[in-house]
N, C-alpha and C. Protein backbone atom coordinates (compact mmCIF):
# COMPACT_ATOMS: atom_id res chain seq x y z
N MET A 1 -8.77 0.70 18.46
CA MET A 1 -8.16 0.31 17.20
C MET A 1 -8.01 1.53 16.31
N HIS A 2 -7.07 1.44 15.38
CA HIS A 2 -6.79 2.58 14.50
C HIS A 2 -6.52 2.05 13.09
N TYR A 3 -7.11 2.71 12.10
CA TYR A 3 -7.00 2.30 10.71
C TYR A 3 -6.10 3.28 9.96
N ILE A 4 -5.02 2.76 9.39
CA ILE A 4 -4.06 3.59 8.66
C ILE A 4 -4.14 3.27 7.18
N PHE A 5 -4.38 4.29 6.36
CA PHE A 5 -4.45 4.15 4.91
C PHE A 5 -3.20 4.76 4.30
N VAL A 6 -2.48 3.97 3.51
CA VAL A 6 -1.17 4.38 3.02
C VAL A 6 -1.20 4.48 1.49
N HIS A 7 -0.94 5.67 1.00
CA HIS A 7 -1.07 5.92 -0.44
C HIS A 7 0.12 5.38 -1.23
N GLY A 8 -0.02 5.39 -2.54
CA GLY A 8 1.02 4.89 -3.42
C GLY A 8 1.91 5.99 -3.97
N LEU A 9 2.93 5.60 -4.69
CA LEU A 9 3.81 6.55 -5.37
C LEU A 9 3.00 7.23 -6.46
N GLY A 10 3.08 8.55 -6.54
CA GLY A 10 2.28 9.29 -7.50
C GLY A 10 0.93 9.68 -6.95
N GLN A 11 0.66 9.32 -5.70
CA GLN A 11 -0.56 9.72 -5.01
C GLN A 11 -0.21 10.60 -3.82
N GLU A 12 -1.25 11.02 -3.11
CA GLU A 12 -1.08 11.77 -1.87
C GLU A 12 -2.12 11.29 -0.88
N ALA A 13 -2.06 11.79 0.34
CA ALA A 13 -2.98 11.33 1.38
C ALA A 13 -4.44 11.49 0.95
N SER A 14 -4.75 12.57 0.24
CA SER A 14 -6.13 12.84 -0.17
C SER A 14 -6.65 11.83 -1.20
N SER A 15 -5.77 11.03 -1.77
CA SER A 15 -6.20 10.00 -2.72
C SER A 15 -7.13 8.99 -2.07
N TRP A 16 -7.12 8.94 -0.74
CA TRP A 16 -7.98 8.02 -0.01
C TRP A 16 -9.32 8.63 0.38
N ASN A 17 -9.53 9.91 0.14
CA ASN A 17 -10.71 10.60 0.67
C ASN A 17 -12.03 9.93 0.27
N SER A 18 -12.19 9.66 -1.01
CA SER A 18 -13.46 9.08 -1.49
C SER A 18 -13.72 7.73 -0.86
N THR A 19 -12.67 6.92 -0.75
CA THR A 19 -12.82 5.59 -0.16
C THR A 19 -13.21 5.69 1.31
N ILE A 20 -12.49 6.49 2.06
CA ILE A 20 -12.74 6.61 3.49
C ILE A 20 -14.11 7.20 3.77
N ASN A 21 -14.51 8.19 2.98
CA ASN A 21 -15.81 8.83 3.21
C ASN A 21 -16.97 7.88 2.97
N SER A 22 -16.73 6.80 2.23
CA SER A 22 -17.80 5.83 1.96
C SER A 22 -17.80 4.67 2.94
N LEU A 23 -16.83 4.61 3.82
CA LEU A 23 -16.72 3.51 4.77
C LEU A 23 -17.65 3.72 5.97
N LYS A 24 -17.92 2.63 6.66
CA LYS A 24 -18.71 2.71 7.90
C LYS A 24 -17.87 3.21 9.07
N LEU A 25 -16.56 3.24 8.90
CA LEU A 25 -15.67 3.60 10.00
C LEU A 25 -15.87 5.04 10.46
N ASN A 26 -15.66 5.26 11.74
CA ASN A 26 -15.62 6.60 12.29
C ASN A 26 -14.30 7.25 11.87
N SER A 27 -14.38 8.43 11.30
CA SER A 27 -13.17 9.09 10.80
C SER A 27 -12.17 9.39 11.91
N ASN A 28 -12.62 9.39 13.16
CA ASN A 28 -11.72 9.67 14.28
C ASN A 28 -10.71 8.55 14.51
N ILE A 29 -10.95 7.38 13.95
CA ILE A 29 -10.01 6.27 14.15
C ILE A 29 -9.28 5.93 12.86
N THR A 30 -9.24 6.88 11.93
CA THR A 30 -8.50 6.68 10.68
C THR A 30 -7.43 7.75 10.53
N SER A 31 -6.38 7.40 9.79
CA SER A 31 -5.37 8.40 9.44
C SER A 31 -4.73 8.02 8.12
N CYS A 32 -4.22 9.05 7.42
CA CYS A 32 -3.59 8.86 6.11
C CYS A 32 -2.29 9.65 6.09
N PRO A 33 -1.19 9.06 6.48
CA PRO A 33 0.07 9.81 6.47
C PRO A 33 0.49 10.17 5.05
N ASN A 34 0.98 11.37 4.88
CA ASN A 34 1.55 11.77 3.59
C ASN A 34 3.00 11.30 3.56
N LEU A 35 3.30 10.38 2.69
CA LEU A 35 4.62 9.75 2.70
C LEU A 35 5.74 10.74 2.41
N PHE A 36 5.48 11.71 1.53
CA PHE A 36 6.53 12.66 1.20
C PHE A 36 6.76 13.65 2.34
N SER A 37 5.71 13.94 3.10
CA SER A 37 5.88 14.78 4.29
C SER A 37 6.66 14.02 5.36
N LEU A 38 6.37 12.71 5.49
CA LEU A 38 7.13 11.89 6.44
C LEU A 38 8.61 11.91 6.09
N LEU A 39 8.90 11.79 4.81
CA LEU A 39 10.29 11.73 4.35
C LEU A 39 11.01 13.03 4.63
N GLY A 40 10.30 14.14 4.47
CA GLY A 40 10.89 15.45 4.79
C GLY A 40 12.18 15.69 4.04
N THR A 41 13.23 16.06 4.79
CA THR A 41 14.53 16.36 4.17
C THR A 41 15.47 15.16 4.16
N SER A 42 14.97 14.00 4.62
CA SER A 42 15.81 12.79 4.60
C SER A 42 16.09 12.37 3.15
N GLU A 43 17.18 11.69 2.94
CA GLU A 43 17.49 11.19 1.60
C GLU A 43 16.36 10.29 1.14
N PRO A 44 15.86 10.49 -0.09
CA PRO A 44 14.69 9.73 -0.55
C PRO A 44 15.01 8.30 -0.94
N THR A 45 15.19 7.46 0.08
CA THR A 45 15.40 6.03 -0.15
C THR A 45 14.26 5.27 0.53
N TYR A 46 14.02 4.06 0.05
CA TYR A 46 12.99 3.25 0.67
C TYR A 46 13.33 2.99 2.13
N GLN A 47 14.59 2.75 2.42
CA GLN A 47 15.01 2.44 3.78
C GLN A 47 14.67 3.59 4.74
N ASN A 48 14.93 4.82 4.32
CA ASN A 48 14.59 5.98 5.15
C ASN A 48 13.08 6.14 5.28
N LEU A 49 12.37 5.95 4.17
CA LEU A 49 10.92 6.09 4.22
C LEU A 49 10.30 5.04 5.13
N TYR A 50 10.79 3.81 5.03
CA TYR A 50 10.24 2.76 5.90
C TYR A 50 10.55 3.04 7.36
N ARG A 51 11.75 3.51 7.66
CA ARG A 51 12.10 3.84 9.05
C ARG A 51 11.14 4.88 9.61
N LEU A 52 10.82 5.89 8.83
CA LEU A 52 9.93 6.96 9.29
C LEU A 52 8.48 6.46 9.37
N PHE A 53 8.08 5.60 8.44
CA PHE A 53 6.75 5.01 8.51
C PHE A 53 6.63 4.10 9.73
N TYR A 54 7.67 3.34 10.01
CA TYR A 54 7.72 2.49 11.19
C TYR A 54 7.52 3.33 12.46
N GLU A 55 8.24 4.44 12.54
CA GLU A 55 8.12 5.32 13.70
C GLU A 55 6.70 5.89 13.81
N TYR A 56 6.10 6.21 12.67
CA TYR A 56 4.73 6.72 12.67
C TYR A 56 3.78 5.68 13.25
N CYS A 57 3.90 4.46 12.80
CA CYS A 57 3.03 3.39 13.29
C CYS A 57 3.27 3.11 14.78
N GLU A 58 4.52 3.16 15.19
CA GLU A 58 4.85 2.91 16.59
C GLU A 58 4.28 3.99 17.50
N GLY A 59 4.04 5.17 16.94
CA GLY A 59 3.49 6.26 17.73
C GLY A 59 2.01 6.12 18.01
N ILE A 60 1.36 5.18 17.35
CA ILE A 60 -0.06 4.92 17.58
C ILE A 60 -0.17 3.77 18.58
N LYS A 61 -0.79 4.01 19.70
CA LYS A 61 -0.80 3.03 20.79
C LYS A 61 -1.86 1.95 20.61
N GLU A 62 -2.92 2.27 19.88
CA GLU A 62 -3.99 1.29 19.68
C GLU A 62 -3.55 0.20 18.71
N PRO A 63 -4.25 -0.96 18.71
CA PRO A 63 -4.01 -1.96 17.66
C PRO A 63 -4.23 -1.34 16.29
N ILE A 64 -3.44 -1.75 15.33
CA ILE A 64 -3.42 -1.12 14.01
C ILE A 64 -4.04 -2.02 12.95
N HIS A 65 -4.84 -1.40 12.08
CA HIS A 65 -5.31 -2.03 10.85
C HIS A 65 -4.66 -1.27 9.70
N LEU A 66 -3.89 -1.95 8.88
CA LEU A 66 -3.17 -1.30 7.80
C LEU A 66 -3.82 -1.58 6.46
N CYS A 67 -3.97 -0.54 5.64
CA CYS A 67 -4.50 -0.68 4.29
C CYS A 67 -3.63 0.16 3.36
N GLY A 68 -2.87 -0.50 2.49
CA GLY A 68 -1.96 0.23 1.62
C GLY A 68 -2.11 -0.16 0.17
N ILE A 69 -1.84 0.78 -0.71
CA ILE A 69 -1.87 0.53 -2.15
C ILE A 69 -0.50 0.79 -2.74
N SER A 70 -0.03 -0.11 -3.61
CA SER A 70 1.23 0.05 -4.33
C SER A 70 2.39 0.24 -3.35
N LEU A 71 3.09 1.38 -3.40
CA LEU A 71 4.17 1.63 -2.44
C LEU A 71 3.65 1.54 -1.01
N GLY A 72 2.46 2.05 -0.78
CA GLY A 72 1.86 1.97 0.56
C GLY A 72 1.62 0.55 1.00
N ALA A 73 1.32 -0.33 0.03
CA ALA A 73 1.14 -1.75 0.35
C ALA A 73 2.46 -2.39 0.74
N ILE A 74 3.53 -2.01 0.07
CA ILE A 74 4.85 -2.56 0.39
C ILE A 74 5.27 -2.13 1.80
N LEU A 75 5.05 -0.86 2.12
CA LEU A 75 5.38 -0.38 3.47
C LEU A 75 4.54 -1.10 4.52
N SER A 76 3.26 -1.29 4.23
CA SER A 76 2.37 -1.98 5.17
C SER A 76 2.78 -3.43 5.35
N LEU A 77 3.12 -4.09 4.25
CA LEU A 77 3.59 -5.47 4.29
C LEU A 77 4.86 -5.57 5.14
N ASN A 78 5.79 -4.67 4.92
CA ASN A 78 7.05 -4.64 5.65
C ASN A 78 6.81 -4.50 7.16
N TYR A 79 5.91 -3.59 7.53
CA TYR A 79 5.63 -3.38 8.96
C TYR A 79 4.93 -4.59 9.58
N ALA A 80 4.01 -5.19 8.84
CA ALA A 80 3.31 -6.38 9.36
C ALA A 80 4.26 -7.55 9.54
N ILE A 81 5.30 -7.62 8.73
CA ILE A 81 6.33 -8.64 8.88
C ILE A 81 7.18 -8.37 10.13
N ASP A 82 7.57 -7.11 10.30
CA ASP A 82 8.44 -6.75 11.42
C ASP A 82 7.72 -6.70 12.76
N ARG A 83 6.42 -6.34 12.73
CA ARG A 83 5.68 -6.15 13.98
C ARG A 83 4.35 -6.89 13.93
N PRO A 84 4.37 -8.20 13.80
CA PRO A 84 3.12 -8.96 13.71
C PRO A 84 2.22 -8.80 14.93
N ASP A 85 2.82 -8.48 16.08
CA ASP A 85 2.05 -8.30 17.30
C ASP A 85 1.26 -6.99 17.31
N ARG A 86 1.58 -6.06 16.42
CA ARG A 86 0.95 -4.73 16.42
C ARG A 86 -0.17 -4.61 15.40
N VAL A 87 -0.20 -5.51 14.41
CA VAL A 87 -1.13 -5.36 13.28
C VAL A 87 -2.29 -6.33 13.42
N ASP A 88 -3.50 -5.79 13.52
CA ASP A 88 -4.70 -6.61 13.68
C ASP A 88 -5.25 -7.11 12.34
N SER A 89 -5.08 -6.32 11.29
CA SER A 89 -5.48 -6.77 9.95
C SER A 89 -4.65 -6.01 8.93
N LEU A 90 -4.56 -6.61 7.74
CA LEU A 90 -3.71 -6.06 6.69
C LEU A 90 -4.45 -6.15 5.36
N VAL A 91 -4.51 -5.03 4.65
CA VAL A 91 -5.09 -5.01 3.31
C VAL A 91 -4.01 -4.54 2.34
N LEU A 92 -3.74 -5.35 1.33
CA LEU A 92 -2.71 -5.06 0.34
C LEU A 92 -3.37 -4.89 -1.02
N ILE A 93 -3.23 -3.71 -1.62
CA ILE A 93 -3.88 -3.40 -2.90
C ILE A 93 -2.81 -3.15 -3.95
N GLY A 94 -2.86 -3.91 -5.04
CA GLY A 94 -1.87 -3.74 -6.11
C GLY A 94 -0.45 -3.87 -5.58
N ALA A 95 -0.22 -4.92 -4.81
CA ALA A 95 1.02 -5.05 -4.04
C ALA A 95 2.05 -5.95 -4.72
N GLN A 96 3.29 -5.74 -4.34
CA GLN A 96 4.41 -6.60 -4.70
C GLN A 96 5.08 -7.07 -3.42
N TYR A 97 5.66 -8.26 -3.46
CA TYR A 97 6.44 -8.76 -2.32
C TYR A 97 7.92 -8.82 -2.67
N LYS A 98 8.22 -8.69 -3.96
CA LYS A 98 9.60 -8.69 -4.45
C LYS A 98 9.68 -7.67 -5.58
N SER A 99 10.67 -6.80 -5.54
CA SER A 99 10.73 -5.72 -6.51
C SER A 99 10.90 -6.24 -7.94
N PRO A 100 10.01 -5.84 -8.84
CA PRO A 100 10.15 -6.19 -10.27
C PRO A 100 11.13 -5.22 -10.92
N LYS A 101 12.38 -5.63 -11.06
CA LYS A 101 13.43 -4.70 -11.50
C LYS A 101 13.18 -4.11 -12.88
N LEU A 102 12.69 -4.93 -13.80
CA LEU A 102 12.42 -4.42 -15.15
C LEU A 102 11.35 -3.34 -15.12
N LEU A 103 10.32 -3.57 -14.31
CA LEU A 103 9.24 -2.60 -14.20
C LEU A 103 9.73 -1.31 -13.57
N LEU A 104 10.57 -1.42 -12.54
CA LEU A 104 11.10 -0.23 -11.89
C LEU A 104 12.00 0.56 -12.84
N ASN A 105 12.81 -0.14 -13.62
CA ASN A 105 13.67 0.53 -14.60
C ASN A 105 12.83 1.27 -15.64
N PHE A 106 11.79 0.61 -16.12
CA PHE A 106 10.91 1.23 -17.10
C PHE A 106 10.21 2.44 -16.49
N GLN A 107 9.78 2.30 -15.25
CA GLN A 107 9.10 3.39 -14.55
C GLN A 107 10.02 4.60 -14.43
N ASN A 108 11.29 4.37 -14.13
CA ASN A 108 12.22 5.48 -13.99
C ASN A 108 12.48 6.18 -15.31
N VAL A 109 12.47 5.42 -16.41
CA VAL A 109 12.59 6.05 -17.73
C VAL A 109 11.42 6.99 -17.97
N ILE A 110 10.22 6.54 -17.61
CA ILE A 110 9.03 7.38 -17.74
C ILE A 110 9.16 8.64 -16.88
N PHE A 111 9.65 8.46 -15.64
CA PHE A 111 9.82 9.61 -14.75
C PHE A 111 10.75 10.65 -15.35
N TYR A 112 11.82 10.20 -16.01
CA TYR A 112 12.80 11.12 -16.58
C TYR A 112 12.16 12.07 -17.60
N VAL A 113 11.20 11.58 -18.37
CA VAL A 113 10.63 12.38 -19.45
C VAL A 113 9.37 13.13 -19.04
N MET A 114 8.86 12.84 -17.85
CA MET A 114 7.65 13.53 -17.38
C MET A 114 7.99 14.95 -16.93
N PRO A 115 7.10 15.91 -17.15
CA PRO A 115 7.36 17.29 -16.71
C PRO A 115 7.36 17.40 -15.19
N ALA A 116 8.14 18.35 -14.69
CA ALA A 116 8.28 18.53 -13.24
C ALA A 116 6.95 18.84 -12.57
N SER A 117 6.03 19.46 -13.29
CA SER A 117 4.75 19.85 -12.71
C SER A 117 3.93 18.66 -12.24
N VAL A 118 4.13 17.51 -12.88
CA VAL A 118 3.40 16.30 -12.50
C VAL A 118 3.78 15.88 -11.08
N PHE A 119 5.05 15.99 -10.75
CA PHE A 119 5.54 15.57 -9.44
C PHE A 119 5.18 16.58 -8.35
N SER A 120 5.17 17.84 -8.70
CA SER A 120 4.86 18.86 -7.71
C SER A 120 3.41 18.76 -7.23
N LYS A 121 2.54 18.19 -8.04
CA LYS A 121 1.13 18.04 -7.66
C LYS A 121 0.95 17.12 -6.47
N VAL A 122 1.90 16.21 -6.25
CA VAL A 122 1.81 15.31 -5.10
C VAL A 122 2.85 15.67 -4.03
N GLY A 123 3.33 16.90 -4.10
CA GLY A 123 4.21 17.40 -3.05
C GLY A 123 5.62 16.85 -3.09
N SER A 124 6.11 16.52 -4.29
CA SER A 124 7.45 15.97 -4.40
C SER A 124 8.12 16.52 -5.65
N ASP A 125 9.20 15.86 -6.09
CA ASP A 125 9.89 16.28 -7.30
C ASP A 125 10.43 15.06 -8.03
N LYS A 126 10.86 15.28 -9.25
CA LYS A 126 11.30 14.18 -10.11
C LYS A 126 12.47 13.42 -9.51
N GLU A 127 13.45 14.12 -8.97
CA GLU A 127 14.63 13.47 -8.40
C GLU A 127 14.27 12.54 -7.25
N THR A 128 13.33 12.97 -6.42
CA THR A 128 12.90 12.14 -5.29
C THR A 128 12.26 10.85 -5.78
N PHE A 129 11.40 10.93 -6.79
CA PHE A 129 10.75 9.75 -7.34
C PHE A 129 11.78 8.77 -7.89
N ILE A 130 12.73 9.28 -8.63
CA ILE A 130 13.73 8.43 -9.27
C ILE A 130 14.64 7.77 -8.24
N LYS A 131 15.07 8.52 -7.24
CA LYS A 131 15.93 7.95 -6.20
C LYS A 131 15.18 6.92 -5.36
N LEU A 132 13.93 7.23 -5.06
CA LEU A 132 13.13 6.33 -4.22
C LEU A 132 12.90 4.99 -4.92
N THR A 133 12.48 5.02 -6.17
CA THR A 133 12.25 3.76 -6.89
C THR A 133 13.56 3.01 -7.12
N GLY A 134 14.63 3.74 -7.36
CA GLY A 134 15.93 3.09 -7.54
C GLY A 134 16.39 2.35 -6.30
N SER A 135 16.03 2.87 -5.13
CA SER A 135 16.45 2.25 -3.87
C SER A 135 15.65 1.00 -3.52
N MET A 136 14.60 0.71 -4.30
CA MET A 136 13.72 -0.41 -3.99
C MET A 136 14.06 -1.67 -4.78
N LYS A 137 15.05 -1.62 -5.63
CA LYS A 137 15.31 -2.71 -6.57
C LYS A 137 15.71 -4.02 -5.92
N GLU A 138 16.21 -3.97 -4.70
CA GLU A 138 16.66 -5.21 -4.03
C GLU A 138 15.67 -5.72 -2.98
N LEU A 139 14.51 -5.10 -2.87
CA LEU A 139 13.53 -5.54 -1.87
C LEU A 139 13.02 -6.94 -2.20
N ASN A 140 12.96 -7.77 -1.20
CA ASN A 140 12.46 -9.14 -1.41
C ASN A 140 11.98 -9.69 -0.06
N PHE A 141 10.66 -9.85 0.07
CA PHE A 141 10.07 -10.34 1.31
C PHE A 141 9.59 -11.79 1.18
N THR A 142 10.05 -12.48 0.16
CA THR A 142 9.58 -13.84 -0.13
C THR A 142 9.65 -14.74 1.09
N HIS A 143 10.78 -14.72 1.80
CA HIS A 143 11.01 -15.66 2.89
C HIS A 143 10.50 -15.13 4.25
N GLU A 144 9.86 -13.97 4.24
CA GLU A 144 9.39 -13.39 5.49
C GLU A 144 7.86 -13.32 5.58
N LEU A 145 7.19 -13.74 4.52
CA LEU A 145 5.73 -13.65 4.50
C LEU A 145 5.10 -14.49 5.61
N ALA A 146 5.78 -15.54 6.01
CA ALA A 146 5.25 -16.41 7.07
C ALA A 146 5.18 -15.69 8.42
N ASN A 147 5.88 -14.57 8.55
CA ASN A 147 5.84 -13.81 9.81
C ASN A 147 4.48 -13.16 10.05
N ILE A 148 3.72 -12.94 9.00
CA ILE A 148 2.46 -12.22 9.11
C ILE A 148 1.42 -13.12 9.76
N GLN A 149 0.82 -12.66 10.84
CA GLN A 149 -0.10 -13.48 11.63
C GLN A 149 -1.56 -13.01 11.52
N CYS A 150 -1.79 -11.80 11.07
CA CYS A 150 -3.14 -11.23 11.10
C CYS A 150 -3.96 -11.64 9.88
N ASP A 151 -5.28 -11.44 9.97
CA ASP A 151 -6.14 -11.61 8.80
C ASP A 151 -5.69 -10.63 7.73
N THR A 152 -5.57 -11.14 6.51
CA THR A 152 -5.04 -10.34 5.41
C THR A 152 -5.97 -10.44 4.21
N LEU A 153 -6.16 -9.32 3.54
CA LEU A 153 -6.94 -9.28 2.31
C LEU A 153 -6.07 -8.71 1.20
N VAL A 154 -5.94 -9.44 0.12
CA VAL A 154 -5.16 -9.02 -1.04
C VAL A 154 -6.14 -8.63 -2.15
N ILE A 155 -6.05 -7.39 -2.61
CA ILE A 155 -6.97 -6.87 -3.62
C ILE A 155 -6.19 -6.44 -4.86
N CYS A 156 -6.74 -6.76 -6.02
CA CYS A 156 -6.09 -6.36 -7.26
C CYS A 156 -7.16 -6.07 -8.31
N GLY A 157 -6.87 -5.11 -9.17
CA GLY A 157 -7.76 -4.84 -10.28
C GLY A 157 -7.54 -5.85 -11.40
N GLU A 158 -8.60 -6.22 -12.08
CA GLU A 158 -8.50 -7.20 -13.17
C GLU A 158 -7.54 -6.73 -14.25
N LYS A 159 -7.43 -5.43 -14.46
CA LYS A 159 -6.57 -4.89 -15.51
C LYS A 159 -5.22 -4.40 -14.98
N ASP A 160 -4.94 -4.67 -13.72
CA ASP A 160 -3.65 -4.30 -13.13
C ASP A 160 -2.66 -5.43 -13.42
N PHE A 161 -2.26 -5.54 -14.69
CA PHE A 161 -1.48 -6.69 -15.14
C PHE A 161 -0.10 -6.77 -14.48
N ALA A 162 0.45 -5.63 -14.08
CA ALA A 162 1.78 -5.62 -13.46
C ALA A 162 1.78 -6.26 -12.08
N ASN A 163 0.60 -6.34 -11.44
CA ASN A 163 0.55 -6.81 -10.05
C ASN A 163 -0.32 -8.04 -9.82
N LYS A 164 -0.94 -8.57 -10.87
CA LYS A 164 -1.85 -9.71 -10.69
C LYS A 164 -1.11 -10.96 -10.20
N ARG A 165 0.02 -11.25 -10.78
CA ARG A 165 0.75 -12.46 -10.38
C ARG A 165 1.24 -12.35 -8.94
N ALA A 166 1.77 -11.18 -8.58
CA ALA A 166 2.25 -10.98 -7.20
C ALA A 166 1.09 -11.07 -6.21
N SER A 167 -0.08 -10.55 -6.58
CA SER A 167 -1.24 -10.62 -5.70
C SER A 167 -1.64 -12.06 -5.44
N LYS A 168 -1.61 -12.86 -6.49
CA LYS A 168 -1.95 -14.28 -6.34
C LYS A 168 -0.95 -14.97 -5.42
N TYR A 169 0.33 -14.65 -5.59
CA TYR A 169 1.37 -15.25 -4.75
C TYR A 169 1.16 -14.86 -3.29
N LEU A 170 0.89 -13.59 -3.04
CA LEU A 170 0.69 -13.13 -1.67
C LEU A 170 -0.49 -13.83 -1.01
N SER A 171 -1.58 -13.96 -1.74
CA SER A 171 -2.77 -14.61 -1.15
C SER A 171 -2.53 -16.08 -0.88
N ASN A 172 -1.62 -16.69 -1.62
CA ASN A 172 -1.32 -18.12 -1.43
C ASN A 172 -0.25 -18.37 -0.37
N HIS A 173 0.54 -17.36 -0.03
CA HIS A 173 1.67 -17.58 0.86
C HIS A 173 1.59 -16.83 2.18
N ILE A 174 0.54 -16.06 2.38
CA ILE A 174 0.33 -15.43 3.68
C ILE A 174 -0.77 -16.21 4.40
N LYS A 175 -0.46 -16.66 5.59
CA LYS A 175 -1.44 -17.38 6.39
C LYS A 175 -2.64 -16.47 6.66
N ASN A 176 -3.83 -17.05 6.64
CA ASN A 176 -5.06 -16.30 6.91
C ASN A 176 -5.33 -15.21 5.88
N ALA A 177 -4.89 -15.43 4.63
CA ALA A 177 -5.11 -14.44 3.58
C ALA A 177 -6.24 -14.86 2.65
N ASN A 178 -7.02 -13.90 2.24
CA ASN A 178 -8.03 -14.07 1.20
C ASN A 178 -7.76 -13.05 0.11
N SER A 179 -8.41 -13.20 -1.03
CA SER A 179 -8.15 -12.28 -2.13
C SER A 179 -9.42 -11.90 -2.86
N VAL A 180 -9.38 -10.72 -3.45
CA VAL A 180 -10.49 -10.23 -4.26
C VAL A 180 -9.91 -9.57 -5.51
N MET A 181 -10.49 -9.90 -6.66
CA MET A 181 -10.15 -9.21 -7.88
C MET A 181 -11.35 -8.36 -8.30
N ILE A 182 -11.10 -7.08 -8.51
CA ILE A 182 -12.16 -6.17 -8.91
C ILE A 182 -12.23 -6.12 -10.43
N GLN A 183 -13.35 -6.50 -10.97
CA GLN A 183 -13.51 -6.59 -12.42
C GLN A 183 -13.47 -5.20 -13.07
N ASP A 184 -12.93 -5.18 -14.30
CA ASP A 184 -12.88 -3.95 -15.12
C ASP A 184 -12.20 -2.80 -14.39
N ALA A 185 -11.19 -3.12 -13.60
CA ALA A 185 -10.50 -2.09 -12.82
C ALA A 185 -8.99 -2.20 -13.03
N GLY A 186 -8.32 -1.06 -12.93
CA GLY A 186 -6.87 -1.03 -13.06
C GLY A 186 -6.18 -0.96 -11.71
N HIS A 187 -5.17 -0.09 -11.62
CA HIS A 187 -4.32 -0.08 -10.44
C HIS A 187 -4.82 0.84 -9.32
N GLU A 188 -5.23 2.06 -9.67
CA GLU A 188 -5.55 3.05 -8.64
C GLU A 188 -6.99 2.88 -8.14
N LEU A 189 -7.21 1.79 -7.46
CA LEU A 189 -8.57 1.45 -7.02
C LEU A 189 -9.13 2.47 -6.04
N ASN A 190 -8.28 3.06 -5.22
CA ASN A 190 -8.76 4.02 -4.22
C ASN A 190 -9.24 5.32 -4.86
N LYS A 191 -8.84 5.58 -6.10
CA LYS A 191 -9.27 6.80 -6.78
C LYS A 191 -10.34 6.52 -7.85
N GLU A 192 -10.20 5.41 -8.53
CA GLU A 192 -11.07 5.16 -9.68
C GLU A 192 -12.25 4.24 -9.37
N HIS A 193 -12.16 3.46 -8.31
CA HIS A 193 -13.24 2.53 -7.94
C HIS A 193 -13.46 2.55 -6.43
N SER A 194 -13.55 3.76 -5.89
CA SER A 194 -13.60 3.91 -4.44
C SER A 194 -14.85 3.29 -3.82
N ALA A 195 -15.98 3.35 -4.52
CA ALA A 195 -17.21 2.79 -3.95
C ALA A 195 -17.10 1.27 -3.82
N LYS A 196 -16.60 0.62 -4.86
CA LYS A 196 -16.41 -0.84 -4.81
C LYS A 196 -15.41 -1.21 -3.74
N LEU A 197 -14.33 -0.45 -3.68
CA LEU A 197 -13.29 -0.74 -2.69
C LEU A 197 -13.82 -0.56 -1.28
N SER A 198 -14.59 0.48 -1.04
CA SER A 198 -15.15 0.72 0.30
C SER A 198 -16.05 -0.44 0.72
N ALA A 199 -16.87 -0.92 -0.21
CA ALA A 199 -17.77 -2.03 0.11
C ALA A 199 -16.99 -3.29 0.49
N ILE A 200 -15.90 -3.55 -0.22
CA ILE A 200 -15.06 -4.72 0.07
C ILE A 200 -14.39 -4.57 1.44
N LEU A 201 -13.88 -3.37 1.72
CA LEU A 201 -13.22 -3.13 3.01
C LEU A 201 -14.20 -3.25 4.17
N ASP A 202 -15.40 -2.69 4.01
CA ASP A 202 -16.42 -2.82 5.06
C ASP A 202 -16.72 -4.29 5.32
N ASP A 203 -16.86 -5.05 4.26
CA ASP A 203 -17.16 -6.47 4.39
C ASP A 203 -16.05 -7.20 5.13
N PHE A 204 -14.82 -6.89 4.79
CA PHE A 204 -13.67 -7.52 5.42
C PHE A 204 -13.58 -7.16 6.90
N TRP A 205 -13.68 -5.88 7.20
CA TRP A 205 -13.54 -5.43 8.59
C TRP A 205 -14.78 -5.75 9.43
N ASP A 206 -15.89 -6.04 8.79
CA ASP A 206 -17.07 -6.50 9.53
C ASP A 206 -16.94 -7.96 9.95
N GLY A 207 -15.91 -8.63 9.47
CA GLY A 207 -15.67 -10.00 9.88
C GLY A 207 -15.95 -11.04 8.83
N ASN A 208 -16.37 -10.62 7.64
CA ASN A 208 -16.60 -11.58 6.56
C ASN A 208 -15.29 -11.84 5.84
N ARG A 209 -14.55 -12.85 6.27
CA ARG A 209 -13.24 -13.15 5.69
C ARG A 209 -13.35 -14.10 4.49
N LEU A 210 -14.54 -14.60 4.20
CA LEU A 210 -14.68 -15.62 3.17
C LEU A 210 -14.84 -14.97 1.80
N LEU A 211 -13.80 -14.26 1.40
CA LEU A 211 -13.78 -13.58 0.11
C LEU A 211 -12.88 -14.37 -0.83
N SER A 212 -13.18 -14.33 -2.12
CA SER A 212 -12.36 -15.08 -3.07
C SER A 212 -12.30 -14.36 -4.40
N LEU A 213 -11.39 -14.82 -5.25
CA LEU A 213 -11.26 -14.23 -6.58
C LEU A 213 -12.53 -14.41 -7.39
């Protein structure tokens, strides 16, 4: 088996370091693809990024356990829908199943006024961020959630107001899904609450699926 940790927009592969280092898992069976490195010189659209992420997952021959946050959760959800036979478990953190257009528009306005140095820290640039989020406005997996067959855990921070409703919907509409809300926590759980997140993931992967809000 192989555990893939997928970072969010505005993060990088190393954003998972604290979480992974606290897990019981052997590091030899984990990987954290850098999404911007995967994208390379391809046009920065969600469709291109997902195609390259799909190819990355297909290159791993062992059964896959996917754990994604934000954009990484959307990519993981998409792959679990398309390849239910390949995914043994799915963890969705701060996830959406349908693009919130108003939120994406607001996010792009923020990106426009942010200094370029902020984007370079995660190995990308402002134009890539804006194009990528713009290409996600029509995403909608509402009618495909039933394709997911594996045990699923939906995690959200209590203060992650932008994603709480979507997290509840996902936990109610994915078969074999459970959910956890982390108290006094926001969106970037893998960076700001890594110890709590690691404990929840260990519990889930140890076979304790009876988790609840």
